[in-house]
Amino acid sequence: MICGIDIQKPVPEIVAVLHKYQIPIALVDQVFDRVMHDINANTIPYNPSLDNISDLAISDMTDKVTEPKG
C-alpha cells in the first residue's frame, strides 16, 4: 500500500480488460506506456493548495450567509 491507497484493488479489473481485448503479456508494458502518456496529456494534476483556496472561499461565503445580523 502506498500512502494509504490499496493499489491491488483495481488489479482484477485491469486484468479483465486486458483479457477482454486479448492483450498478450508481452504487450502489457506497451499498453501501460500508452496509458501513462494519455494520463499525462489529459489529466490536470491534483493541487491541494488550489482545493484549499476553494474550500476557504466557500467557508468564507458560508460564514457571511449564516452570521446573525445583529
PDB file of N, CA and C in Angstrom:
ATOM      1  N   MET A   1       0.841  -1.171   0.000  1.00  0.00           N
ATOM      2  CA  MET A   1       0.000   0.000   0.000  1.00  0.00           C
ATOM      3  C   MET A   1       0.895   1.246   0.000  1.00  0.00           C
ATOM      4  N   ILE A   2       0.542   2.214  -0.823  1.00  0.00           N
ATOM      5  CA  ILE A   2       1.297   3.455  -0.911  1.00  0.00           C
ATOM      6  C   ILE A   2       0.413   4.582  -0.406  1.00  0.00           C
ATOM      7  N   CYS A   3       0.877   5.289   0.627  1.00  0.00           N
ATOM      8  CA  CYS A   3       0.135   6.435   1.178  1.00  0.00           C
ATOM      9  C   CYS A   3      -1.319   6.088   1.480  1.00  0.00           C
ATOM     10  N   GLY A   4      -1.578   4.890   1.960  1.00  0.00           N
ATOM     11  CA  GLY A   4      -2.939   4.522   2.315  1.00  0.00           C
ATOM     12  C   GLY A   4      -3.820   4.121   1.144  1.00  0.00           C
ATOM     13  N   ILE A   5      -3.247   4.011  -0.051  1.00  0.00           N
ATOM     14  CA  ILE A   5      -4.021   3.631  -1.236  1.00  0.00           C
ATOM     15  C   ILE A   5      -3.733   2.172  -1.553  1.00  0.00           C
ATOM     16  N   ASP A   6      -4.773   1.376  -1.647  1.00  0.00           N
ATOM     17  CA  ASP A   6      -4.632  -0.044  -1.966  1.00  0.00           C
ATOM     18  C   ASP A   6      -4.507  -0.200  -3.475  1.00  0.00           C
ATOM     19  N   ILE A   7      -3.260  -0.331  -3.964  1.00  0.00           N
ATOM     20  CA  ILE A   7      -3.035  -0.432  -5.408  1.00  0.00           C
ATOM     21  C   ILE A   7      -3.382  -1.814  -5.957  1.00  0.00           C
ATOM     22  N   GLN A   8      -3.642  -2.769  -5.083  1.00  0.00           N
ATOM     23  CA  GLN A   8      -4.027  -4.108  -5.522  1.00  0.00           C
ATOM     24  C   GLN A   8      -5.496  -4.158  -5.939  1.00  0.00           C
ATOM     25  N   LYS A   9      -6.304  -3.248  -5.382  1.00  0.00           N
ATOM     26  CA  LYS A   9      -7.747  -3.281  -5.599  1.00  0.00           C
ATOM     27  C   LYS A   9      -8.159  -3.259  -7.077  1.00  0.00           C
ATOM     28  N   PRO A  10      -7.575  -2.403  -7.933  1.00  0.00           N
ATOM     29  CA  PRO A  10      -8.016  -2.360  -9.331  1.00  0.00           C
ATOM     30  C   PRO A  10      -7.413  -3.452 -10.210  1.00  0.00           C
ATOM     31  N   VAL A  11      -6.468  -4.219  -9.673  1.00  0.00           N
ATOM     32  CA  VAL A  11      -5.755  -5.202 -10.498  1.00  0.00           C
ATOM     33  C   VAL A  11      -6.688  -6.190 -11.194  1.00  0.00           C
ATOM     34  N   PRO A  12      -7.650  -6.815 -10.509  1.00  0.00           N
ATOM     35  CA  PRO A  12      -8.523  -7.770 -11.209  1.00  0.00           C
ATOM     36  C   PRO A  12      -9.292  -7.139 -12.376  1.00  0.00           C
ATOM     37  N   GLU A  13      -9.743  -5.896 -12.206  1.00  0.00           N
ATOM     38  CA  GLU A  13     -10.467  -5.224 -13.294  1.00  0.00           C
ATOM     39  C   GLU A  13      -9.539  -4.921 -14.466  1.00  0.00           C
ATOM     40  N   ILE A  14      -8.317  -4.507 -14.162  1.00  0.00           N
ATOM     41  CA  ILE A  14      -7.347  -4.219 -15.222  1.00  0.00           C
ATOM     42  C   ILE A  14      -7.018  -5.489 -15.983  1.00  0.00           C
ATOM     43  N   VAL A  15      -6.793  -6.578 -15.255  1.00  0.00           N
ATOM     44  CA  VAL A  15      -6.508  -7.861 -15.901  1.00  0.00           C
ATOM     45  C   VAL A  15      -7.690  -8.287 -16.766  1.00  0.00           C
ATOM     46  N   ALA A  16      -8.909  -8.077 -16.286  1.00  0.00           N
ATOM     47  CA  ALA A  16     -10.101  -8.440 -17.061  1.00  0.00           C
ATOM     48  C   ALA A  16     -10.176  -7.647 -18.363  1.00  0.00           C
ATOM     49  N   VAL A  17      -9.841  -6.358 -18.320  1.00  0.00           N
ATOM     50  CA  VAL A  17      -9.860  -5.536 -19.539  1.00  0.00           C
ATOM     51  C   VAL A  17      -8.783  -6.009 -20.510  1.00  0.00           C
ATOM     52  N   LEU A  18      -7.602  -6.293 -20.001  1.00  0.00           N
ATOM     53  CA  LEU A  18      -6.537  -6.802 -20.872  1.00  0.00           C
ATOM     54  C   LEU A  18      -6.961  -8.123 -21.513  1.00  0.00           C
ATOM     55  N   HIS A  19      -7.610  -8.971 -20.737  1.00  0.00           N
ATOM     56  CA  HIS A  19      -8.099 -10.249 -21.262  1.00  0.00           C
ATOM     57  C   HIS A  19      -9.199 -10.013 -22.304  1.00  0.00           C
ATOM     58  N   LYS A  20     -10.108  -9.096 -22.013  1.00  0.00           N
ATOM     59  CA  LYS A  20     -11.214  -8.794 -22.928  1.00  0.00           C
ATOM     60  C   LYS A  20     -10.692  -8.389 -24.306  1.00  0.00           C
ATOM     61  N   TYR A  21      -9.628  -7.589 -24.318  1.00  0.00           N
ATOM     62  CA  TYR A  21      -9.071  -7.117 -25.589  1.00  0.00           C
ATOM     63  C   TYR A  21      -7.932  -8.000 -26.098  1.00  0.00           C
ATOM     64  N   GLN A  22      -7.769  -9.157 -25.464  1.00  0.00           N
ATOM     65  CA  GLN A  22      -6.800 -10.175 -25.869  1.00  0.00           C
ATOM     66  C   GLN A  22      -5.385  -9.605 -26.006  1.00  0.00           C
ATOM     67  N   ILE A  23      -4.970  -8.840 -24.996  1.00  0.00           N
ATOM     68  CA  ILE A  23      -3.630  -8.268 -24.976  1.00  0.00           C
ATOM     69  C   ILE A  23      -2.676  -9.319 -24.418  1.00  0.00           C
ATOM     70  N   PRO A  24      -1.689  -9.728 -25.207  1.00  0.00           N
ATOM     71  CA  PRO A  24      -0.725 -10.705 -24.689  1.00  0.00           C
ATOM     72  C   PRO A  24       0.180 -10.072 -23.624  1.00  0.00           C
ATOM     73  N   ILE A  25       0.686 -10.907 -22.741  1.00  0.00           N
ATOM     74  CA  ILE A  25       1.551 -10.442 -21.664  1.00  0.00           C
ATOM     75  C   ILE A  25       2.720  -9.628 -22.212  1.00  0.00           C
ATOM     76  N   ALA A  26       3.252 -10.016 -23.343  1.00  0.00           N
ATOM     77  CA  ALA A  26       4.402  -9.324 -23.931  1.00  0.00           C
ATOM     78  C   ALA A  26       4.090  -7.869 -24.297  1.00  0.00           C
ATOM     79  N   LEU A  27       2.816  -7.519 -24.459  1.00  0.00           N
ATOM     80  CA  LEU A  27       2.444  -6.155 -24.848  1.00  0.00           C
ATOM     81  C   LEU A  27       1.902  -5.305 -23.693  1.00  0.00           C
ATOM     82  N   VAL A  28       1.817  -5.872 -22.509  1.00  0.00           N
ATOM     83  CA  VAL A  28       1.249  -5.151 -21.372  1.00  0.00           C
ATOM     84  C   VAL A  28       2.043  -3.874 -21.077  1.00  0.00           C
ATOM     85  N   ASP A  29       3.372  -3.947 -21.115  1.00  0.00           N
ATOM     86  CA  ASP A  29       4.180  -2.748 -20.861  1.00  0.00           C
ATOM     87  C   ASP A  29       3.873  -1.644 -21.863  1.00  0.00           C
ATOM     88  N   GLN A  30       3.690  -2.013 -23.121  1.00  0.00           N
ATOM     89  CA  GLN A  30       3.372  -1.015 -24.145  1.00  0.00           C
ATOM     90  C   GLN A  30       1.998  -0.395 -23.895  1.00  0.00           C
ATOM     91  N   VAL A  31       1.050  -1.219 -23.477  1.00  0.00           N
ATOM     92  CA  VAL A  31      -0.283  -0.702 -23.160  1.00  0.00           C
ATOM     93  C   VAL A  31      -0.176   0.323 -22.030  1.00  0.00           C
ATOM     94  N   PHE A  32       0.564  -0.007 -20.978  1.00  0.00           N
ATOM     95  CA  PHE A  32       0.678   0.910 -19.851  1.00  0.00           C
ATOM     96  C   PHE A  32       1.499   2.148 -20.191  1.00  0.00           C
ATOM     97  N   ASP A  33       2.458   2.031 -21.125  1.00  0.00           N
ATOM     98  CA  ASP A  33       3.159   3.224 -21.614  1.00  0.00           C
ATOM     99  C   ASP A  33       2.165   4.181 -22.270  1.00  0.00           C
ATOM    100  N   ARG A  34       1.252   3.634 -23.065  1.00  0.00           N
ATOM    101  CA  ARG A  34       0.232   4.476 -23.716  1.00  0.00           C
ATOM    102  C   ARG A  34      -0.741   5.051 -22.696  1.00  0.00           C
ATOM    103  N   VAL A  35      -1.077   4.251 -21.702  1.00  0.00           N
ATOM    104  CA  VAL A  35      -1.963   4.730 -20.633  1.00  0.00           C
ATOM    105  C   VAL A  35      -1.312   5.916 -19.917  1.00  0.00           C
ATOM    106  N   MET A  36      -0.035   5.784 -19.570  1.00  0.00           N
ATOM    107  CA  MET A  36       0.663   6.875 -18.886  1.00  0.00           C
ATOM    108  C   MET A  36       0.745   8.115 -19.773  1.00  0.00           C
ATOM    109  N   HIS A  37       0.965   7.919 -21.063  1.00  0.00           N
ATOM    110  CA  HIS A  37       1.006   9.051 -21.995  1.00  0.00           C
ATOM    111  C   HIS A  37      -0.339   9.778 -21.990  1.00  0.00           C
ATOM    112  N   ASP A  38      -1.430   9.019 -22.082  1.00  0.00           N
ATOM    113  CA  ASP A  38      -2.770   9.623 -22.072  1.00  0.00           C
ATOM    114  C   ASP A  38      -3.065  10.331 -20.748  1.00  0.00           C
ATOM    115  N   ILE A  39      -2.666   9.713 -19.658  1.00  0.00           N
ATOM    116  CA  ILE A  39      -2.878  10.329 -18.345  1.00  0.00           C
ATOM    117  C   ILE A  39      -2.145  11.667 -18.271  1.00  0.00           C
ATOM    118  N   ASN A  40      -0.885  11.673 -18.683  1.00  0.00           N
ATOM    119  CA  ASN A  40      -0.098  12.905 -18.622  1.00  0.00           C
ATOM    120  C   ASN A  40      -0.625  13.972 -19.568  1.00  0.00           C
ATOM    121  N   ALA A  41      -1.157  13.559 -20.704  1.00  0.00           N
ATOM    122  CA  ALA A  41      -1.646  14.520 -21.694  1.00  0.00           C
ATOM    123  C   ALA A  41      -3.038  15.057 -21.364  1.00  0.00           C
ATOM    124  N   ASN A  42      -3.825  14.299 -20.608  1.00  0.00           N
ATOM    125  CA  ASN A  42      -5.236  14.653 -20.437  1.00  0.00           C
ATOM    126  C   ASN A  42      -5.703  14.830 -19.000  1.00  0.00           C
ATOM    127  N   THR A  43      -4.787  14.866 -18.062  1.00  0.00           N
ATOM    128  CA  THR A  43      -5.171  14.957 -16.663  1.00  0.00           C
ATOM    129  C   THR A  43      -4.587  16.218 -16.047  1.00  0.00           C
ATOM    130  N   ILE A  44      -5.393  16.933 -15.299  1.00  0.00           N
ATOM    131  CA  ILE A  44      -4.902  18.084 -14.554  1.00  0.00           C
ATOM    132  C   ILE A  44      -4.380  17.556 -13.226  1.00  0.00           C
ATOM    133  N   PRO A  45      -3.122  17.841 -12.914  1.00  0.00           N
ATOM    134  CA  PRO A  45      -2.560  17.322 -11.662  1.00  0.00           C
ATOM    135  C   PRO A  45      -3.322  17.836 -10.447  1.00  0.00           C
ATOM    136  N   TYR A  46      -3.413  17.006  -9.441  1.00  0.00           N
ATOM    137  CA  TYR A  46      -4.053  17.368  -8.175  1.00  0.00           C
ATOM    138  C   TYR A  46      -3.211  18.448  -7.503  1.00  0.00           C
ATOM    139  N   ASN A  47      -3.821  19.532  -7.142  1.00  0.00           N
ATOM    140  CA  ASN A  47      -3.119  20.620  -6.482  1.00  0.00           C
ATOM    141  C   ASN A  47      -3.867  20.966  -5.199  1.00  0.00           C
ATOM    142  N   PRO A  48      -3.402  20.415  -4.078  1.00  0.00           N
ATOM    143  CA  PRO A  48      -4.146  20.624  -2.831  1.00  0.00           C
ATOM    144  C   PRO A  48      -4.260  22.092  -2.444  1.00  0.00           C
ATOM    145  N   SER A  49      -3.289  22.924  -2.802  1.00  0.00           N
ATOM    146  CA  SER A  49      -3.381  24.329  -2.407  1.00  0.00           C
ATOM    147  C   SER A  49      -4.546  25.015  -3.110  1.00  0.00           C
ATOM    148  N   LEU A  50      -4.819  24.664  -4.369  1.00  0.00           N
ATOM    149  CA  LEU A  50      -5.967  25.236  -5.062  1.00  0.00           C
ATOM    150  C   LEU A  50      -7.270  24.768  -4.431  1.00  0.00           C
ATOM    151  N   ASP A  51      -7.309  23.496  -4.039  1.00  0.00           N
ATOM    152  CA  ASP A  51      -8.503  22.981  -3.364  1.00  0.00           C
ATOM    153  C   ASP A  51      -8.726  23.718  -2.048  1.00  0.00           C
ATOM    154  N   ASN A  52      -7.651  23.975  -1.315  1.00  0.00           N
ATOM    155  CA  ASN A  52      -7.780  24.687  -0.041  1.00  0.00           C
ATOM    156  C   ASN A  52      -8.295  26.102  -0.260  1.00  0.00           C
ATOM    157  N   ILE A  53      -7.832  26.761  -1.317  1.00  0.00           N
ATOM    158  CA  ILE A  53      -8.305  28.106  -1.620  1.00  0.00           C
ATOM    159  C   ILE A  53      -9.807  28.072  -1.890  1.00  0.00           C
ATOM    160  N   SER A  54     -10.237  27.098  -2.677  1.00  0.00           N
ATOM    161  CA  SER A  54     -11.662  26.961  -2.982  1.00  0.00           C
ATOM    162  C   SER A  54     -12.461  26.694  -1.714  1.00  0.00           C
ATOM    163  N   ASP A  55     -11.948  25.806  -0.859  1.00  0.00           N
ATOM    164  CA  ASP A  55     -12.629  25.497   0.401  1.00  0.00           C
ATOM    165  C   ASP A  55     -12.740  26.736   1.283  1.00  0.00           C
ATOM    166  N   LEU A  56     -11.666  27.529   1.326  1.00  0.00           N
ATOM    167  CA  LEU A  56     -11.697  28.739   2.141  1.00  0.00           C
ATOM    168  C   LEU A  56     -12.722  29.733   1.612  1.00  0.00           C
ATOM    169  N   ALA A  57     -12.792  29.853   0.294  1.00  0.00           N
ATOM    170  CA  ALA A  57     -13.763  30.771  -0.299  1.00  0.00           C
ATOM    171  C   ALA A  57     -15.185  30.337   0.032  1.00  0.00           C
ATOM    172  N   ILE A  58     -15.442  29.042  -0.072  1.00  0.00           N
ATOM    173  CA  ILE A  58     -16.774  28.519   0.252  1.00  0.00           C
ATOM    174  C   ILE A  58     -17.063  28.720   1.737  1.00  0.00           C
ATOM    175  N   SER A  59     -16.059  28.444   2.582  1.00  0.00           N
ATOM    176  CA  SER A  59     -16.227  28.601   4.020  1.00  0.00           C
ATOM    177  C   SER A  59     -16.502  30.059   4.375  1.00  0.00           C
ATOM    178  N   ASP A  60     -15.777  30.987   3.739  1.00  0.00           N
ATOM    179  CA  ASP A  60     -15.973  32.414   3.992  1.00  0.00           C
ATOM    180  C   ASP A  60     -17.386  32.836   3.595  1.00  0.00           C
ATOM    181  N   MET A  61     -17.842  32.352   2.440  1.00  0.00           N
ATOM    182  CA  MET A  61     -19.181  32.697   1.967  1.00  0.00           C
ATOM    183  C   MET A  61     -20.239  32.124   2.910  1.00  0.00           C
ATOM    184  N   THR A  62     -20.037  30.898   3.365  1.00  0.00           N
ATOM    185  CA  THR A  62     -20.976  30.266   4.295  1.00  0.00           C
ATOM    186  C   THR A  62     -21.050  31.072   5.589  1.00  0.00           C
ATOM    187  N   ASP A  63     -19.882  31.517   6.080  1.00  0.00           N
ATOM    188  CA  ASP A  63     -19.863  32.323   7.304  1.00  0.00           C
ATOM    189  C   ASP A  63     -20.657  33.613   7.124  1.00  0.00           C
ATOM    190  N   LYS A  64     -20.486  34.260   5.979  1.00  0.00           N
ATOM    191  CA  LYS A  64     -21.188  35.520   5.732  1.00  0.00           C
ATOM    192  C   LYS A  64     -22.699  35.310   5.675  1.00  0.00           C
ATOM    193  N   VAL A  65     -23.113  34.208   5.078  1.00  0.00           N
ATOM    194  CA  VAL A  65     -24.541  33.938   4.918  1.00  0.00           C
ATOM    195  C   VAL A  65     -25.182  33.530   6.235  1.00  0.00           C
ATOM    196  N   THR A  66     -24.438  32.808   7.076  1.00  0.00           N
ATOM    197  CA  THR A  66     -25.036  32.251   8.297  1.00  0.00           C
ATOM    198  C   THR A  66     -24.831  33.116   9.533  1.00  0.00           C
ATOM    199  N   GLU A  67     -24.012  34.175   9.437  1.00  0.00           N
ATOM    200  CA  GLU A  67     -23.805  35.036  10.604  1.00  0.00           C
ATOM    201  C   GLU A  67     -25.076  35.827  10.904  1.00  0.00           C
ATOM    202  N   PRO A  68     -25.441  35.883  12.182  1.00  0.00           N
ATOM    203  CA  PRO A  68     -26.630  36.679  12.522  1.00  0.00           C
ATOM    204  C   PRO A  68     -26.347  38.168  12.320  1.00  0.00           C
ATOM    205  N   LYS A  69     -27.323  38.866  11.855  1.00  0.00           N
ATOM    206  CA  LYS A  69     -27.168  40.308  11.624  1.00  0.00           C
ATOM    207  C   LYS A  69     -27.756  41.050  12.815  1.00  0.00           C
ATOM    208  N   GLY A  70     -26.879  41.334  13.778  1.00  0.00           N
ATOM    209  CA  GLY A  70     -27.105  41.968  14.946  1.00  0.00           C
ATOM    210  C   GLY A  70     -28.197  42.496  15.604  1.00  0.00           C
TER     211      GLY A  70
END
